[in-house]
Every structure is written in C-alpha cells, then in structure tokens.
Amino acid sequence: MKNVGGIDKILRVIVGLALIASVFALPEVMSPWGWIGIVPLVTGLFNFCPLYPLLGINTCSKCKD
C-alpha cells in the first residue's frame, strides 16, 4: 500500500540523493551520516514509509481510504 506521494516523494528522493552524494563529496565529514540517505531515497522510490501507518499519516492523495 502506498502512503507517500506528491511533494513528499520528491523531497525524499532529493534529500536521499543529496545525502548519498555528500559521502563522495565530503568523505571525511559525511561518510557515516551520508549513507542514511538510503532511507528517504528508498521510501520515496517505493512510495511507502513504514512509520506513516504508525503515525496515521498518508500523503498520497490518490491512495487515501
């Protein structure tokens, strides 16, 4: 079930890619933290955030019940 949509998805992908890119641009500063960018990238690409159901959030307007 999808629960991520629109602006939320776009921001997740951009932030994820930026964090991952920081690993290569600033390896001495961002190396461990940059890999956290995988989480927003994957949740944006798959349109699903596992925390959203727990919090009762759904930003996918086409997917609302």
N, C-alpha and C. Protein backbone atom coordinates (compact mmCIF):
# COMPACT_ATOMS: atom_id res chain seq x y z
N MET A 1 0.84 -1.18 0.00
CA MET A 1 0.00 0.00 0.00
C MET A 1 0.89 1.24 0.00
N LYS A 2 0.54 2.19 -0.83
CA LYS A 2 1.31 3.43 -0.93
C LYS A 2 0.81 4.43 0.10
N ASN A 3 1.74 5.17 0.69
CA ASN A 3 1.36 6.23 1.63
C ASN A 3 2.24 7.47 1.50
N VAL A 4 3.07 7.51 0.47
CA VAL A 4 3.93 8.67 0.21
C VAL A 4 3.62 9.17 -1.20
N GLY A 5 3.33 10.43 -1.32
CA GLY A 5 3.01 10.95 -2.65
C GLY A 5 3.37 12.42 -2.79
N GLY A 6 3.31 12.90 -4.01
CA GLY A 6 3.49 14.32 -4.32
C GLY A 6 4.81 14.91 -3.89
N ILE A 7 4.70 16.05 -3.22
CA ILE A 7 5.87 16.80 -2.76
C ILE A 7 6.70 15.95 -1.80
N ASP A 8 6.04 15.18 -0.97
CA ASP A 8 6.73 14.31 0.00
C ASP A 8 7.70 13.37 -0.73
N LYS A 9 7.23 12.75 -1.81
CA LYS A 9 8.07 11.83 -2.57
C LYS A 9 9.25 12.56 -3.19
N ILE A 10 9.00 13.70 -3.81
CA ILE A 10 10.06 14.47 -4.47
C ILE A 10 11.13 14.89 -3.46
N LEU A 11 10.70 15.39 -2.31
CA LEU A 11 11.65 15.82 -1.28
C LEU A 11 12.47 14.64 -0.74
N ARG A 12 11.83 13.51 -0.54
CA ARG A 12 12.55 12.32 -0.06
C ARG A 12 13.65 11.91 -1.03
N VAL A 13 13.33 11.88 -2.32
CA VAL A 13 14.32 11.48 -3.33
C VAL A 13 15.46 12.49 -3.39
N ILE A 14 15.15 13.78 -3.38
CA ILE A 14 16.19 14.82 -3.45
C ILE A 14 17.08 14.77 -2.21
N VAL A 15 16.49 14.68 -1.03
CA VAL A 15 17.28 14.63 0.20
C VAL A 15 18.13 13.36 0.24
N GLY A 16 17.54 12.24 -0.15
CA GLY A 16 18.29 10.99 -0.17
C GLY A 16 19.49 11.04 -1.09
N LEU A 17 19.28 11.55 -2.30
CA LEU A 17 20.38 11.66 -3.25
C LEU A 17 21.45 12.64 -2.77
N ALA A 18 21.01 13.74 -2.16
CA ALA A 18 21.97 14.73 -1.65
C ALA A 18 22.83 14.13 -0.53
N LEU A 19 22.22 13.40 0.37
CA LEU A 19 22.98 12.78 1.46
C LEU A 19 23.96 11.74 0.93
N ILE A 20 23.52 10.93 -0.02
CA ILE A 20 24.41 9.92 -0.59
C ILE A 20 25.55 10.60 -1.35
N ALA A 21 25.25 11.67 -2.10
CA ALA A 21 26.29 12.40 -2.83
C ALA A 21 27.30 13.02 -1.88
N SER A 22 26.85 13.41 -0.68
CA SER A 22 27.77 14.01 0.29
C SER A 22 28.84 13.03 0.76
N VAL A 23 28.53 11.75 0.69
CA VAL A 23 29.53 10.73 1.06
C VAL A 23 30.74 10.83 0.14
N PHE A 24 30.47 11.08 -1.14
CA PHE A 24 31.56 11.14 -2.11
C PHE A 24 32.20 12.53 -2.17
N ALA A 25 31.42 13.57 -1.91
CA ALA A 25 31.94 14.93 -1.97
C ALA A 25 32.73 15.30 -0.71
N LEU A 26 32.27 14.87 0.43
CA LEU A 26 32.91 15.18 1.72
C LEU A 26 33.12 13.91 2.54
N PRO A 27 33.93 12.97 2.07
CA PRO A 27 34.02 11.68 2.75
C PRO A 27 34.51 11.75 4.19
N GLU A 28 35.37 12.71 4.51
CA GLU A 28 35.88 12.79 5.87
C GLU A 28 34.86 13.35 6.86
N VAL A 29 33.86 14.04 6.34
CA VAL A 29 32.86 14.68 7.21
C VAL A 29 31.56 13.89 7.24
N MET A 30 31.07 13.46 6.08
CA MET A 30 29.73 12.91 5.97
C MET A 30 29.65 11.40 5.80
N SER A 31 30.73 10.70 5.77
CA SER A 31 30.70 9.29 5.41
C SER A 31 29.63 8.48 6.15
N PRO A 32 29.63 8.41 7.47
CA PRO A 32 28.61 7.58 8.11
C PRO A 32 27.20 8.15 7.99
N TRP A 33 27.06 9.46 8.08
CA TRP A 33 25.74 10.09 8.04
C TRP A 33 25.16 10.10 6.63
N GLY A 34 25.99 10.19 5.65
CA GLY A 34 25.51 10.25 4.27
C GLY A 34 24.76 9.01 3.84
N TRP A 35 25.18 7.86 4.35
CA TRP A 35 24.51 6.62 3.96
C TRP A 35 23.10 6.51 4.51
N ILE A 36 22.76 7.35 5.46
CA ILE A 36 21.38 7.39 5.96
C ILE A 36 20.45 7.86 4.84
N GLY A 37 21.00 8.51 3.83
CA GLY A 37 20.22 8.97 2.68
C GLY A 37 19.54 7.84 1.93
N ILE A 38 19.98 6.62 2.15
CA ILE A 38 19.34 5.47 1.51
C ILE A 38 17.89 5.34 1.98
N VAL A 39 17.62 5.67 3.24
CA VAL A 39 16.27 5.52 3.80
C VAL A 39 15.27 6.43 3.08
N PRO A 40 15.48 7.76 3.03
CA PRO A 40 14.50 8.58 2.32
C PRO A 40 14.43 8.28 0.82
N LEU A 41 15.56 7.90 0.23
CA LEU A 41 15.56 7.57 -1.19
C LEU A 41 14.67 6.35 -1.46
N VAL A 42 14.85 5.30 -0.69
CA VAL A 42 14.07 4.08 -0.89
C VAL A 42 12.59 4.31 -0.59
N THR A 43 12.29 5.01 0.51
CA THR A 43 10.89 5.26 0.83
C THR A 43 10.23 6.14 -0.23
N GLY A 44 10.98 7.07 -0.82
CA GLY A 44 10.44 7.89 -1.89
C GLY A 44 10.21 7.11 -3.17
N LEU A 45 11.14 6.24 -3.51
CA LEU A 45 11.02 5.45 -4.73
C LEU A 45 9.91 4.40 -4.65
N PHE A 46 9.72 3.82 -3.47
CA PHE A 46 8.69 2.79 -3.30
C PHE A 46 7.35 3.35 -2.84
N ASN A 47 7.29 4.67 -2.60
CA ASN A 47 6.05 5.33 -2.17
C ASN A 47 5.48 4.75 -0.88
N PHE A 48 6.34 4.28 -0.01
CA PHE A 48 5.88 3.73 1.25
C PHE A 48 6.85 4.07 2.37
N CYS A 49 6.32 4.62 3.45
CA CYS A 49 7.10 4.89 4.64
C CYS A 49 6.53 4.04 5.78
N PRO A 50 7.33 3.16 6.38
CA PRO A 50 6.82 2.28 7.42
C PRO A 50 6.37 3.02 8.69
N LEU A 51 6.84 4.23 8.91
CA LEU A 51 6.42 4.99 10.09
C LEU A 51 5.05 5.65 9.91
N TYR A 52 4.68 5.96 8.68
CA TYR A 52 3.43 6.66 8.45
C TYR A 52 2.19 5.93 8.99
N PRO A 53 2.04 4.62 8.79
CA PRO A 53 0.86 3.96 9.36
C PRO A 53 0.82 4.05 10.89
N LEU A 54 1.97 3.99 11.51
CA LEU A 54 2.03 4.08 12.97
C LEU A 54 1.60 5.46 13.46
N LEU A 55 1.89 6.49 12.64
CA LEU A 55 1.55 7.86 13.00
C LEU A 55 0.22 8.32 12.40
N GLY A 56 -0.41 7.46 11.60
CA GLY A 56 -1.68 7.81 10.99
C GLY A 56 -1.56 8.84 9.88
N ILE A 57 -0.43 8.83 9.15
CA ILE A 57 -0.17 9.81 8.10
C ILE A 57 -0.26 9.13 6.74
N ASN A 58 -0.81 9.84 5.76
CA ASN A 58 -0.84 9.37 4.38
C ASN A 58 -0.79 10.60 3.47
N THR A 59 0.32 10.82 2.77
CA THR A 59 0.45 11.99 1.91
C THR A 59 0.14 11.67 0.46
N CYS A 60 -0.29 10.47 0.18
CA CYS A 60 -0.66 10.07 -1.18
C CYS A 60 -2.15 10.33 -1.36
N SER A 61 -2.49 11.42 -2.04
CA SER A 61 -3.90 11.80 -2.17
C SER A 61 -4.71 10.78 -2.96
N LYS A 62 -4.10 10.07 -3.90
CA LYS A 62 -4.80 9.07 -4.69
C LYS A 62 -4.99 7.77 -3.91
N CYS A 63 -4.29 7.62 -2.78
CA CYS A 63 -4.28 6.36 -2.03
C CYS A 63 -5.09 6.43 -0.75
N LYS A 64 -5.75 7.50 -0.49
CA LYS A 64 -6.48 7.63 0.77
C LYS A 64 -7.67 6.68 0.79
N ASP A 65 -7.92 6.15 1.97
CA ASP A 65 -9.04 5.20 2.12
C ASP A 65 -10.37 5.89 2.13
